[in-house]
Protein backbone atom coordinates (compact mmCIF):
# COMPACT_ATOMS: atom_id res chain seq x y z
CA GLN A 1 97.27 102.39 123.62
CA VAL A 2 96.81 100.55 120.33
CA GLN A 3 98.60 97.40 119.32
CA LEU A 4 98.96 96.56 115.64
CA VAL A 5 100.09 93.16 114.45
CA GLU A 6 100.81 92.48 110.79
CA SER A 7 100.75 89.07 109.16
CA GLY A 8 100.72 87.54 105.72
CA GLY A 9 104.15 88.42 104.44
CA GLY A 10 106.33 85.89 102.68
CA LEU A 11 108.25 84.93 99.61
CA VAL A 12 106.53 85.09 96.23
CA GLN A 13 107.55 85.08 92.60
CA ALA A 14 107.09 88.13 90.43
CA GLY A 15 103.54 88.34 89.18
CA GLY A 16 102.20 86.63 92.26
CA SER A 17 99.94 87.85 95.01
CA LEU A 18 99.94 88.21 98.76
CA ARG A 19 97.44 89.52 101.24
CA LEU A 20 98.67 91.28 104.32
CA SER A 21 96.56 91.68 107.42
CA CYS A 22 96.91 94.08 110.30
CA ALA A 23 94.95 93.30 113.44
CA ALA A 24 94.35 96.09 115.93
CA SER A 25 93.54 95.98 119.60
CA GLY A 26 93.30 98.43 122.45
CA ARG A 27 91.04 101.04 120.91
CA THR A 28 87.89 101.22 118.88
CA PHE A 29 89.22 100.28 115.48
CA SER A 30 86.64 102.32 113.60
CA SER A 31 88.08 105.47 115.16
CA LEU A 32 91.47 104.87 113.52
CA THR A 33 92.70 106.16 110.20
CA MET A 34 94.95 103.40 108.87
CA GLY A 35 97.85 103.24 106.47
CA TRP A 36 100.46 100.92 105.03
CA PHE A 37 104.08 101.85 104.57
CA ARG A 38 107.09 99.91 103.43
CA GLN A 39 110.83 100.08 103.81
CA ALA A 40 113.29 98.39 101.51
CA PRO A 41 116.89 97.73 102.57
CA GLY A 42 118.93 100.92 102.47
CA LYS A 43 115.92 103.07 101.65
CA GLU A 44 113.63 105.43 103.47
CA ARG A 45 110.24 104.28 104.67
CA GLU A 46 107.70 105.11 102.00
CA PHE A 47 103.97 105.56 101.89
CA VAL A 48 101.95 102.82 100.19
CA VAL A 49 98.28 103.52 100.87
CA PHE A 50 95.86 104.91 103.40
CA ILE A 51 92.22 104.28 104.22
CA ASN A 52 89.92 106.50 106.19
CA ARG A 53 87.90 105.45 109.19
CA SER A 54 84.84 104.24 107.32
CA GLY A 55 86.77 102.68 104.45
CA GLY A 56 85.11 104.98 101.98
CA SER A 57 88.23 106.90 101.04
CA THR A 58 91.60 105.54 99.99
CA TYR A 59 94.75 106.98 98.47
CA TYR A 60 97.52 104.98 96.82
CA ALA A 61 101.10 105.69 95.95
CA ASP A 62 101.59 105.77 92.20
CA SER A 63 103.96 102.83 92.39
CA VAL A 64 101.22 100.48 93.59
CA LYS A 65 98.10 101.99 92.05
CA GLY A 66 96.12 99.40 90.13
CA ARG A 67 97.99 96.50 91.72
CA PHE A 68 97.35 96.88 95.45
CA ALA A 69 94.02 97.24 97.22
CA ILE A 70 93.41 98.25 100.80
CA SER A 71 90.28 97.37 102.71
CA ARG A 72 89.16 97.24 106.29
CA ASP A 73 86.70 95.27 108.34
CA ASN A 74 85.79 97.33 111.37
CA ALA A 75 83.86 94.42 112.87
CA LYS A 76 87.06 92.35 112.83
CA ASN A 77 89.39 95.21 113.80
CA THR A 78 91.50 94.43 110.78
CA VAL A 79 92.88 96.22 107.76
CA TYR A 80 94.03 94.30 104.70
CA LEU A 81 96.41 94.94 101.85
CA GLN A 82 95.82 92.79 98.79
CA MET A 83 98.93 92.88 96.63
CA ASN A 84 98.69 91.60 93.08
CA SER A 85 101.11 91.57 90.16
CA LEU A 86 103.99 91.83 92.57
CA LYS A 87 107.35 93.04 91.32
CA PRO A 88 110.84 92.57 92.75
CA GLU A 89 110.86 96.27 93.62
CA ASP A 90 107.96 95.64 96.00
CA THR A 91 110.36 93.74 98.24
CA ALA A 92 110.35 95.46 101.63
CA VAL A 93 109.21 95.25 105.20
CA TYR A 94 105.59 96.34 105.25
CA TYR A 95 104.21 98.23 108.21
CA CYS A 96 100.68 99.14 109.11
CA ALA A 97 100.08 102.33 111.01
CA GLY A 98 97.16 104.01 112.70
CA LEU A 99 96.13 107.31 114.15
CA SER A 100 93.13 108.47 116.08
CA ARG A 101 92.27 111.41 113.87
CA ALA A 102 89.99 111.62 110.88
CA TYR A 103 91.45 112.08 107.43
CA TYR A 104 89.27 112.02 104.40
CA TYR A 105 91.20 112.47 101.16
CA THR A 106 94.77 113.57 101.81
CA PRO A 107 96.89 110.84 103.38
CA PRO A 108 98.65 111.76 106.59
CA ALA A 109 102.44 111.88 106.63
CA ALA A 110 104.28 109.02 108.29
CA ASN A 111 105.31 111.15 111.26
CA VAL A 112 101.68 111.87 112.07
CA TYR A 113 100.78 108.25 112.73
CA GLN A 114 100.66 107.36 116.40
CA TYR A 115 100.71 103.58 116.24
CA TRP A 116 102.89 101.19 114.26
CA GLY A 117 103.09 97.46 113.85
CA GLN A 118 106.30 95.48 113.96
CA GLY A 119 106.36 94.90 110.21
CA THR A 120 106.12 91.87 107.97
CA GLN A 121 108.65 90.95 105.31
CA VAL A 122 107.58 90.68 101.69
CA THR A 123 110.13 89.30 99.26
CA VAL A 124 109.42 89.12 95.54
CA THR A 125 111.79 87.09 93.39
CA SER A 126 112.29 87.53 89.68
């Protein structure tokens, strides 16, 4: 079993930055494909970005492309989401997710992920 714990959420003004972290335990982290999703109040959970096992392949939702950056440190069992130029519409609970299958270019759908964190709130004020 894998445990994922997100941190780094908070309240920020529009145009600001936050860095989210997701620490994994319980399985060799380098064997996990990782992703970030978010869910705003009253909306469906939506894909944000994914990163493959090695960190060499990423895929971003159009809504965050050029503003967000995902990275991973397999030695620290952690995946990061650097969020810049934040907008009020980025306000949501952000979840990291993992699965023990290799993906290279096409991000897996949310229902494919096996492991989920508890979420961290990001609130962007105008």
